[in-house]
């Protein structure tokens, strides 16, 4: 990435609201998940591992940012969803299972949709 593009990206991210940042992270996760499916279909297992690993990094970051004491049931439910997704991605990686990745895509799309409405 060029220096100008990197500077633009940094500025774009640093000036977003927390809700929009969540949507951006969900968008990135969706892109990685779809790329992982493409990699499985192409039998490019190194790329599959890379994309699933990047998705796991995003989910772990989202999970670690939650304030468990302030969130109550919503936060506990989000943590359960993140743990479910991490488990499915672990299985998908080991088994090259596109269906498990699609299950995670469905959850991420639902969360993304909710946060788009919240951010607006």
Protein backbone atom coordinates (compact mmCIF):
# COMPACT_ATOMS: atom_id res chain seq x y z
CA UNK A 1 0.00 0.00 0.00
CA UNK A 2 1.34 3.42 -0.88
CA UNK A 3 2.10 5.97 1.81
CA UNK A 4 -0.79 8.16 0.65
CA UNK A 5 -3.22 5.23 0.66
CA UNK A 6 -2.05 4.16 4.12
CA UNK A 7 -2.47 7.70 5.46
CA UNK A 8 -5.97 7.91 3.97
CA UNK A 9 -6.92 4.55 5.49
CA UNK A 10 -5.60 5.57 8.91
CA UNK A 11 -7.50 8.87 8.78
CA UNK A 12 -10.66 7.13 7.57
CA UNK A 13 -10.56 4.65 10.44
CA UNK A 14 -9.57 7.13 13.15
CA UNK A 15 -12.47 9.49 12.38
CA UNK A 16 -15.26 6.89 12.48
CA UNK A 17 -17.78 6.38 15.27
CA UNK A 18 -17.50 3.16 17.30
CA UNK A 19 -20.60 1.77 15.54
CA UNK A 20 -19.17 2.42 12.11
CA UNK A 21 -15.85 0.87 13.16
CA UNK A 22 -17.72 -2.29 14.15
CA UNK A 23 -19.41 -2.36 10.74
CA UNK A 24 -16.01 -1.94 9.08
CA UNK A 25 -14.63 -4.86 11.08
CA UNK A 26 -17.61 -7.04 10.19
CA UNK A 27 -17.14 -6.08 6.52
CA UNK A 28 -13.51 -7.10 6.68
CA UNK A 29 -14.39 -10.40 8.38
CA UNK A 30 -16.97 -11.13 5.68
CA UNK A 31 -14.41 -10.47 2.98
CA UNK A 32 -11.90 -12.82 4.62
CA UNK A 33 -14.54 -15.52 5.11
CA UNK A 34 -15.53 -15.39 1.45
CA UNK A 35 -11.88 -15.48 0.43
CA UNK A 36 -11.39 -18.54 2.65
CA UNK A 37 -14.24 -20.31 0.85
CA UNK A 38 -12.65 -19.39 -2.47
CA UNK A 39 -9.32 -20.73 -1.25
CA UNK A 40 -10.91 -24.03 -0.16
CA UNK A 41 -12.58 -24.38 -3.55
CA UNK A 42 -9.24 -23.68 -5.25
CA UNK A 43 -7.51 -26.15 -2.88
CA UNK A 44 -5.18 -23.36 -1.73
CA UNK A 45 -4.90 -24.46 1.88
CA UNK A 46 -2.26 -21.90 2.84
CA UNK A 47 -4.57 -19.07 1.76
CA UNK A 48 -7.50 -20.72 3.54
CA UNK A 49 -5.51 -20.74 6.78
CA UNK A 50 -4.43 -17.14 6.29
CA UNK A 51 -7.96 -15.83 5.70
CA UNK A 52 -9.48 -17.83 8.53
CA UNK A 53 -6.67 -16.68 10.82
CA UNK A 54 -7.36 -13.05 9.93
CA UNK A 55 -11.05 -13.58 10.65
CA UNK A 56 -10.22 -15.15 14.01
CA UNK A 57 -8.04 -12.13 14.82
CA UNK A 58 -11.00 -9.82 14.16
CA UNK A 59 -13.40 -11.88 16.27
CA UNK A 60 -10.91 -12.10 19.15
CA UNK A 61 -10.40 -8.32 18.98
CA UNK A 62 -14.16 -7.71 19.01
CA UNK A 63 -14.58 -10.06 21.95
CA UNK A 64 -11.74 -8.53 23.93
CA UNK A 65 -13.16 -5.01 23.57
CA UNK A 66 -16.42 -5.82 25.34
CA UNK A 67 -17.00 -4.54 28.86
CA UNK A 68 -18.45 -7.61 30.55
CA UNK A 69 -19.50 -5.72 33.68
CA UNK A 70 -21.41 -2.99 31.85
CA UNK A 71 -23.14 -5.06 29.20
CA UNK A 72 -25.25 -7.57 31.07
CA UNK A 73 -27.14 -10.14 29.00
CA UNK A 74 -26.35 -8.49 25.66
CA UNK A 75 -22.62 -8.69 26.28
CA UNK A 76 -22.90 -12.29 27.47
CA UNK A 77 -24.87 -13.17 24.33
CA UNK A 78 -22.30 -11.45 22.12
CA UNK A 79 -19.51 -13.37 23.82
CA UNK A 80 -21.41 -16.61 23.23
CA UNK A 81 -21.79 -15.72 19.54
CA UNK A 82 -18.09 -14.90 19.23
CA UNK A 83 -17.19 -18.19 20.93
CA UNK A 84 -19.53 -20.08 18.60
CA UNK A 85 -17.92 -18.44 15.58
CA UNK A 86 -14.41 -19.21 16.82
CA UNK A 87 -15.37 -22.84 17.33
CA UNK A 88 -16.89 -23.11 13.87
CA UNK A 89 -13.84 -21.50 12.27
CA UNK A 90 -11.53 -23.90 14.09
CA UNK A 91 -13.54 -26.85 12.76
CA UNK A 92 -13.79 -25.30 9.29
CA UNK A 93 -10.03 -24.85 9.15
CA UNK A 94 -9.30 -28.41 10.26
CA UNK A 95 -11.95 -30.00 8.04
CA UNK A 96 -11.97 -27.57 5.07
CA UNK A 97 -15.70 -27.25 5.73
CA UNK A 98 -17.34 -24.52 3.67
CA UNK A 99 -20.69 -25.06 5.45
CA UNK A 100 -19.19 -24.09 8.80
CA UNK A 101 -17.72 -20.95 7.25
CA UNK A 102 -21.13 -20.14 5.77
CA UNK A 103 -22.68 -20.47 9.24
CA UNK A 104 -20.20 -17.88 10.51
CA UNK A 105 -20.95 -15.64 7.51
CA UNK A 106 -24.66 -15.80 8.42
CA UNK A 107 -23.94 -14.73 12.02
CA UNK A 108 -21.57 -11.93 10.94
CA UNK A 109 -24.09 -10.64 8.37
CA UNK A 110 -26.79 -10.54 11.06
CA UNK A 111 -24.54 -8.70 13.49
CA UNK A 112 -23.39 -6.32 10.77
CA UNK A 113 -26.98 -5.53 9.84
CA UNK A 114 -27.85 -4.76 13.47
CA UNK A 115 -24.86 -2.47 13.92
CA UNK A 116 -25.60 -0.64 10.65
CA UNK A 117 -28.99 0.25 12.13
CA UNK A 118 -27.48 1.18 15.49
CA UNK A 119 -24.76 3.34 13.88
CA UNK A 120 -27.34 5.23 11.83
